[in-house]
Amino acid sequence: MKNLTEGILLINKSQGITSFDVVAKVRKILKTKQVGHTGTLDPLATGLLVILIGKYAKLSNYLTAQNKTYQAVVTFGRSTTTDDAEGEIVKTGDSNLINQENLIQTLKLFLGKQLQIPPHFSAISIKGERAYQKARRQEYFELPPREIFIHSIRLISWDSPRAVIEISCSKGTYIRSIARDLGEKLGVPSFLSGLHRTVCGSYKVENAITTEDLNNLDKVICNLKTNIEDILGIEKIELGEAAAKQLKQGKQPNFNLDKPPNTIFLTYCHDNLIALAKHENGKLISIRGF
């Protein structure tokens, strides 16, 4: 029988609610407190939220690190304090200076590894205080650039002053910063006016239930994913009792596999899940125990 309070749930978040609102709804309908997610979406954003329930919350760090794909709407002709539609207008400019060809060429500059400056209105901690709290008080401060990786970025449509762009990127990428920086490179102020997350790792938004479905317990239960091998798309290996005990104790049991270094596995002993582990130099190293 399926455990009603454990699994992974894919939600297509609607606009106007926070990611925490979604978590609260899941906690309420499943009557459990152990609920998390793999990446926040702002209230104005929509799309895929991967919700982790029960022991699956232990996979948070692993799943959060996976790549994500977005459809972003960038509006040219003005910039805002928050780099999105919620902020006050800072600068204005002429969006007619942009055409489809120079937009496509400029997008190519974002491909690959780069340093990105996060938005001032972000949840980054500065000496124990969130950056957005300082920004609201109009305090001057600088945020250090962060290394990100853009795997792909392409123009879907251009109807001045708006461009719809698809972006596949690494963990920690701020799409608002891409919208801001795109305008700066083109010489026209810009901001993020819409955002829809379509992919998180191996999960796709078309397989998600809606926020409204969280009022239907049967639908929530039917859509809980509980097969960890399928969820993570990684291989399962069976351990002997001695090796399983060592892994649980934080030790690194000898285990020879004909696999590349740092290959990740789910380890079991007598069908009991032991740990998410990697194989390195003939040993198993626990990444996350269960």
Protein backbone atom coordinates (compact mmCIF):
# COMPACT_ATOMS: atom_id res chain seq x y z
CA MET A 1 0.00 0.00 0.00
CA LYS A 2 1.34 3.45 -0.93
CA ASN A 3 2.47 5.62 2.00
CA LEU A 4 0.09 8.57 1.85
CA THR A 5 2.63 11.00 3.30
CA GLU A 6 5.74 10.20 1.27
CA GLY A 7 6.79 10.76 -2.31
CA ILE A 8 7.52 13.42 -4.90
CA LEU A 9 4.73 15.57 -6.28
CA LEU A 10 4.93 17.73 -9.39
CA ILE A 11 2.91 20.95 -9.22
CA ASN A 12 2.24 23.47 -11.99
CA LYS A 13 2.17 26.58 -9.81
CA SER A 14 -0.31 29.26 -10.79
CA GLN A 15 0.46 32.99 -10.73
CA GLY A 16 -0.07 35.06 -7.61
CA ILE A 17 0.83 32.51 -4.94
CA THR A 18 4.17 31.81 -3.31
CA SER A 19 6.08 28.55 -3.33
CA PHE A 20 5.50 28.40 0.43
CA ASP A 21 1.74 28.64 -0.16
CA VAL A 22 2.01 25.49 -2.27
CA VAL A 23 4.05 23.72 0.43
CA ALA A 24 1.45 24.74 3.03
CA LYS A 25 -1.36 23.28 0.89
CA VAL A 26 0.51 19.98 0.55
CA ARG A 27 1.17 19.86 4.29
CA LYS A 28 -2.50 20.45 5.01
CA ILE A 29 -3.99 17.89 2.62
CA LEU A 30 -1.46 15.15 3.46
CA LYS A 31 -1.34 16.06 7.17
CA THR A 32 2.44 16.03 7.38
CA LYS A 33 5.04 18.69 8.21
CA GLN A 34 7.95 17.12 6.33
CA VAL A 35 7.46 18.88 3.00
CA GLY A 36 10.00 20.83 0.93
CA HIS A 37 10.74 21.77 -2.67
CA THR A 38 13.71 21.95 -5.07
CA GLY A 39 13.63 25.62 -6.05
CA THR A 40 11.49 28.66 -5.32
CA LEU A 41 9.32 30.41 -7.89
CA ASP A 42 8.39 34.07 -7.33
CA PRO A 43 4.64 34.83 -6.94
CA LEU A 44 4.50 36.30 -10.46
CA ALA A 45 6.12 33.18 -11.95
CA THR A 46 4.31 30.01 -12.94
CA GLY A 47 5.32 26.47 -13.73
CA LEU A 48 6.98 23.44 -12.27
CA LEU A 49 7.52 23.03 -8.54
CA VAL A 50 9.00 19.71 -7.44
CA ILE A 51 7.59 18.97 -3.98
CA LEU A 52 9.41 16.51 -1.69
CA ILE A 53 7.41 14.73 1.01
CA GLY A 54 8.59 12.57 3.92
CA LYS A 55 11.95 10.80 3.51
CA TYR A 56 12.12 12.11 -0.06
CA ALA A 57 12.91 15.54 1.40
CA LYS A 58 16.38 14.12 2.04
CA LEU A 59 16.95 14.25 -1.72
CA SER A 60 16.59 18.04 -1.73
CA ASN A 61 20.26 18.93 -2.22
CA TYR A 62 20.65 16.39 -5.02
CA LEU A 63 17.51 17.44 -6.89
CA THR A 64 18.02 21.18 -6.34
CA ALA A 65 21.40 20.93 -8.10
CA GLN A 66 19.81 19.68 -11.33
CA ASN A 67 19.41 21.93 -14.36
CA LYS A 68 16.21 23.88 -14.98
CA THR A 69 14.51 25.23 -18.10
CA TYR A 70 12.36 28.36 -18.31
CA GLN A 71 10.32 30.35 -20.77
CA ALA A 72 10.99 33.98 -19.96
CA VAL A 73 9.22 37.09 -21.26
CA VAL A 74 11.57 40.08 -21.42
CA THR A 75 10.09 43.54 -21.97
CA PHE A 76 12.35 46.24 -23.44
CA GLY A 77 12.02 50.00 -23.09
CA ARG A 78 12.24 50.30 -19.31
CA SER A 79 14.07 48.80 -16.34
CA THR A 80 12.85 48.41 -12.77
CA THR A 81 14.26 48.35 -9.26
CA THR A 82 13.51 44.63 -8.90
CA ASP A 83 14.38 43.62 -12.48
CA ASP A 84 10.81 42.34 -12.83
CA ALA A 85 7.28 43.71 -13.13
CA GLU A 86 6.88 44.32 -9.39
CA GLY A 87 9.47 47.09 -9.20
CA GLU A 88 9.40 50.81 -9.83
CA ILE A 89 10.62 52.11 -13.18
CA VAL A 90 14.26 53.25 -13.11
CA LYS A 91 15.11 53.96 -16.76
CA THR A 92 13.27 54.18 -20.06
CA GLY A 93 14.47 53.69 -23.63
CA ASP A 94 13.39 52.97 -27.18
CA SER A 95 12.65 49.28 -27.86
CA ASN A 96 12.53 50.04 -31.61
CA LEU A 97 16.34 50.11 -31.54
CA ILE A 98 16.20 46.30 -31.26
CA ASN A 99 15.51 43.92 -34.12
CA GLN A 100 15.22 40.15 -34.19
CA GLU A 101 18.67 39.59 -35.70
CA ASN A 102 20.65 41.56 -33.12
CA LEU A 103 18.55 39.99 -30.36
CA ILE A 104 19.45 36.47 -31.57
CA GLN A 105 23.15 37.36 -31.85
CA THR A 106 23.22 38.94 -28.40
CA LEU A 107 21.60 35.89 -26.78
CA LYS A 108 24.56 33.81 -27.96
CA LEU A 109 26.80 35.86 -25.65
CA PHE A 110 25.11 34.26 -22.65
CA LEU A 111 26.01 30.66 -23.51
CA GLY A 112 28.36 28.70 -21.27
CA LYS A 113 30.06 29.45 -17.97
CA GLN A 114 29.93 33.03 -16.73
CA LEU A 115 29.70 35.27 -13.68
CA GLN A 116 26.29 36.73 -12.89
CA ILE A 117 25.39 39.52 -10.46
CA PRO A 118 22.15 38.60 -8.62
CA PRO A 119 19.28 41.10 -8.32
CA HIS A 120 19.40 43.41 -5.32
CA PHE A 121 15.86 42.33 -4.53
CA SER A 122 16.79 38.71 -3.76
CA ALA A 123 16.85 36.44 -0.74
CA ILE A 124 20.66 36.32 -0.59
CA SER A 125 21.89 36.77 2.97
CA ILE A 126 24.19 39.70 3.79
CA LYS A 127 25.50 39.50 7.35
CA GLY A 128 22.33 37.77 8.50
CA GLU A 129 19.92 40.01 6.58
CA ARG A 130 18.21 39.39 3.24
CA ALA A 131 19.36 41.54 0.36
CA TYR A 132 15.78 42.60 -0.46
CA GLN A 133 15.39 44.04 3.05
CA LYS A 134 18.37 46.35 2.47
CA ALA A 135 17.09 47.17 -1.02
CA ARG A 136 13.69 48.18 0.33
CA ARG A 137 15.43 50.66 2.65
CA GLN A 138 17.35 51.92 -0.40
CA GLU A 139 20.68 51.11 1.25
CA TYR A 140 23.73 50.91 -1.00
CA PHE A 141 25.39 47.50 -1.17
CA GLU A 142 27.06 45.26 -3.70
CA LEU A 143 26.41 41.58 -4.33
CA PRO A 144 29.39 39.51 -5.47
CA PRO A 145 28.99 37.78 -8.85
CA ARG A 146 28.19 34.08 -8.87
CA GLU A 147 29.33 31.45 -11.34
CA ILE A 148 26.48 30.01 -13.42
CA PHE A 149 26.22 27.96 -16.60
CA ILE A 150 23.77 28.55 -19.46
CA HIS A 151 23.35 25.31 -21.39
CA SER A 152 21.07 26.75 -24.06
CA ILE A 153 19.27 30.01 -24.76
CA ARG A 154 17.11 30.75 -27.78
CA LEU A 155 14.56 33.25 -29.02
CA ILE A 156 11.06 31.79 -29.32
CA SER A 157 9.32 34.95 -30.50
CA TRP A 158 9.88 38.70 -30.90
CA ASP A 159 7.02 41.19 -30.93
CA SER A 160 8.42 44.56 -29.87
CA PRO A 161 8.76 45.43 -27.05
CA ARG A 162 8.58 41.79 -25.83
CA ALA A 163 10.78 38.78 -26.46
CA VAL A 164 9.95 35.24 -25.36
CA ILE A 165 13.13 33.31 -24.62
CA GLU A 166 13.80 29.70 -23.62
CA ILE A 167 16.68 29.25 -21.17
CA SER A 168 18.22 26.03 -19.83
CA CYS A 169 20.56 26.79 -16.95
CA SER A 170 22.38 25.61 -13.85
CA LYS A 171 21.30 25.90 -10.25
CA GLY A 172 21.49 29.44 -8.85
CA THR A 173 20.80 31.26 -12.13
CA TYR A 174 18.63 34.37 -11.80
CA ILE A 175 16.47 34.79 -14.89
CA ARG A 176 15.75 38.36 -13.77
CA SER A 177 19.46 39.07 -14.06
CA ILE A 178 19.54 37.64 -17.58
CA ALA A 179 16.61 39.90 -18.53
CA ARG A 180 18.42 42.92 -17.05
CA ASP A 181 21.79 42.09 -18.62
CA LEU A 182 20.26 41.38 -22.03
CA GLY A 183 18.94 44.93 -22.19
CA GLU A 184 22.26 46.34 -21.06
CA LYS A 185 24.10 44.50 -23.85
CA LEU A 186 21.57 45.78 -26.40
CA GLY A 187 21.68 49.35 -25.06
CA VAL A 188 17.97 49.38 -24.14
CA PRO A 189 16.67 49.01 -20.56
CA SER A 190 14.67 45.84 -19.91
CA PHE A 191 13.01 43.73 -17.23
CA LEU A 192 11.51 40.27 -16.73
CA SER A 193 7.76 40.54 -17.28
CA GLY A 194 6.85 36.83 -17.24
CA LEU A 195 8.38 33.51 -16.23
CA HIS A 196 7.26 29.89 -16.64
CA ARG A 197 9.42 26.97 -15.48
CA THR A 198 9.02 23.95 -17.73
CA VAL A 199 11.72 21.50 -16.62
CA CYS A 200 13.55 20.55 -13.41
CA GLY A 201 16.10 17.82 -14.02
CA SER A 202 14.14 14.92 -15.53
CA TYR A 203 10.73 16.34 -14.55
CA LYS A 204 8.48 18.22 -16.97
CA VAL A 205 5.62 20.59 -16.26
CA GLU A 206 3.24 18.69 -18.56
CA ASN A 207 3.33 15.82 -16.03
CA ALA A 208 2.36 18.07 -13.12
CA ILE A 209 -0.99 18.58 -11.44
CA THR A 210 -2.38 22.08 -10.95
CA THR A 211 -2.41 24.15 -7.78
CA GLU A 212 -6.20 23.72 -7.68
CA ASP A 213 -5.75 19.92 -7.69
CA LEU A 214 -4.23 20.23 -4.21
CA ASN A 215 -7.80 20.40 -2.89
CA ASN A 216 -8.42 16.84 -4.16
CA LEU A 217 -6.78 14.23 -1.89
CA ASP A 218 -7.37 11.34 -4.29
CA LYS A 219 -5.68 13.21 -7.14
CA VAL A 220 -2.71 14.11 -4.93
CA ILE A 221 -2.27 10.50 -3.81
CA CYS A 222 -2.56 9.14 -7.36
CA ASN A 223 0.18 11.51 -8.54
CA LEU A 224 2.70 10.84 -5.77
CA LYS A 225 5.90 9.39 -7.24
CA THR A 226 7.45 6.85 -4.87
CA ASN A 227 9.80 4.73 -6.99
CA ILE A 228 13.11 6.42 -6.25
CA GLU A 229 15.01 4.68 -9.06
CA ASP A 230 12.54 6.01 -11.61
CA ILE A 231 12.42 9.41 -9.92
CA LEU A 232 16.16 9.94 -10.06
CA GLY A 233 16.83 7.94 -13.19
CA ILE A 234 19.84 6.26 -11.58
CA GLU A 235 20.88 2.65 -11.04
CA LYS A 236 20.12 0.49 -8.04
CA ILE A 237 22.76 -1.80 -6.47
CA GLU A 238 22.34 -4.43 -3.74
CA LEU A 239 24.78 -4.50 -0.80
CA GLY A 240 25.64 -7.21 1.67
CA GLU A 241 24.80 -6.62 5.32
CA ALA A 242 28.37 -5.72 6.29
CA ALA A 243 28.75 -3.10 3.56
CA ALA A 244 25.30 -1.68 4.29
CA LYS A 245 26.16 -1.32 7.97
CA GLN A 246 29.43 0.47 7.14
CA LEU A 247 27.66 2.87 4.79
CA LYS A 248 25.05 3.67 7.45
CA GLN A 249 27.88 4.42 9.91
CA GLY A 250 29.44 6.91 7.51
CA LYS A 251 32.26 4.59 6.55
CA GLN A 252 33.41 3.84 2.99
CA PRO A 253 33.09 0.12 2.28
CA ASN A 254 35.15 -1.47 -0.49
CA PHE A 255 32.98 -2.09 -3.54
CA ASN A 256 34.39 -2.72 -6.99
CA LEU A 257 32.26 -1.74 -9.96
CA ASP A 258 33.08 -1.43 -13.62
CA LYS A 259 31.74 2.11 -13.72
CA PRO A 260 33.23 5.60 -14.27
CA PRO A 261 34.47 7.48 -11.16
CA ASN A 262 31.83 9.38 -9.18
CA THR A 263 28.94 7.37 -10.66
CA ILE A 264 25.94 7.75 -8.36
CA PHE A 265 23.77 4.82 -7.21
CA LEU A 266 20.90 4.01 -4.89
CA THR A 267 22.10 1.34 -2.50
CA TYR A 268 19.82 -1.31 -0.99
CA CYS A 269 20.15 -4.24 1.38
CA HIS A 270 17.39 -6.87 1.29
CA ASP A 271 15.21 -4.34 -0.59
CA ASN A 272 15.68 -1.73 2.17
CA LEU A 273 16.94 1.62 0.88
CA ILE A 274 20.26 2.46 2.55
CA ALA A 275 21.72 5.55 0.89
CA LEU A 276 22.33 7.59 -2.20
CA ALA A 277 26.03 6.93 -2.77
CA LYS A 278 28.82 7.47 -5.28
CA HIS A 279 31.53 5.04 -6.41
CA GLU A 280 35.08 6.34 -6.21
CA ASN A 281 38.44 4.51 -6.16
CA GLY A 282 36.87 1.15 -5.39
CA LYS A 283 34.81 2.48 -2.47
CA LEU A 284 31.23 3.58 -1.87
CA ILE A 285 30.77 7.03 -0.36
CA SER A 286 27.40 8.01 1.11
CA ILE A 287 25.88 11.22 -0.26
CA ARG A 288 22.59 11.00 1.59
CA GLY A 289 21.50 8.30 4.00
CA PHE A 290 17.96 7.04 4.51
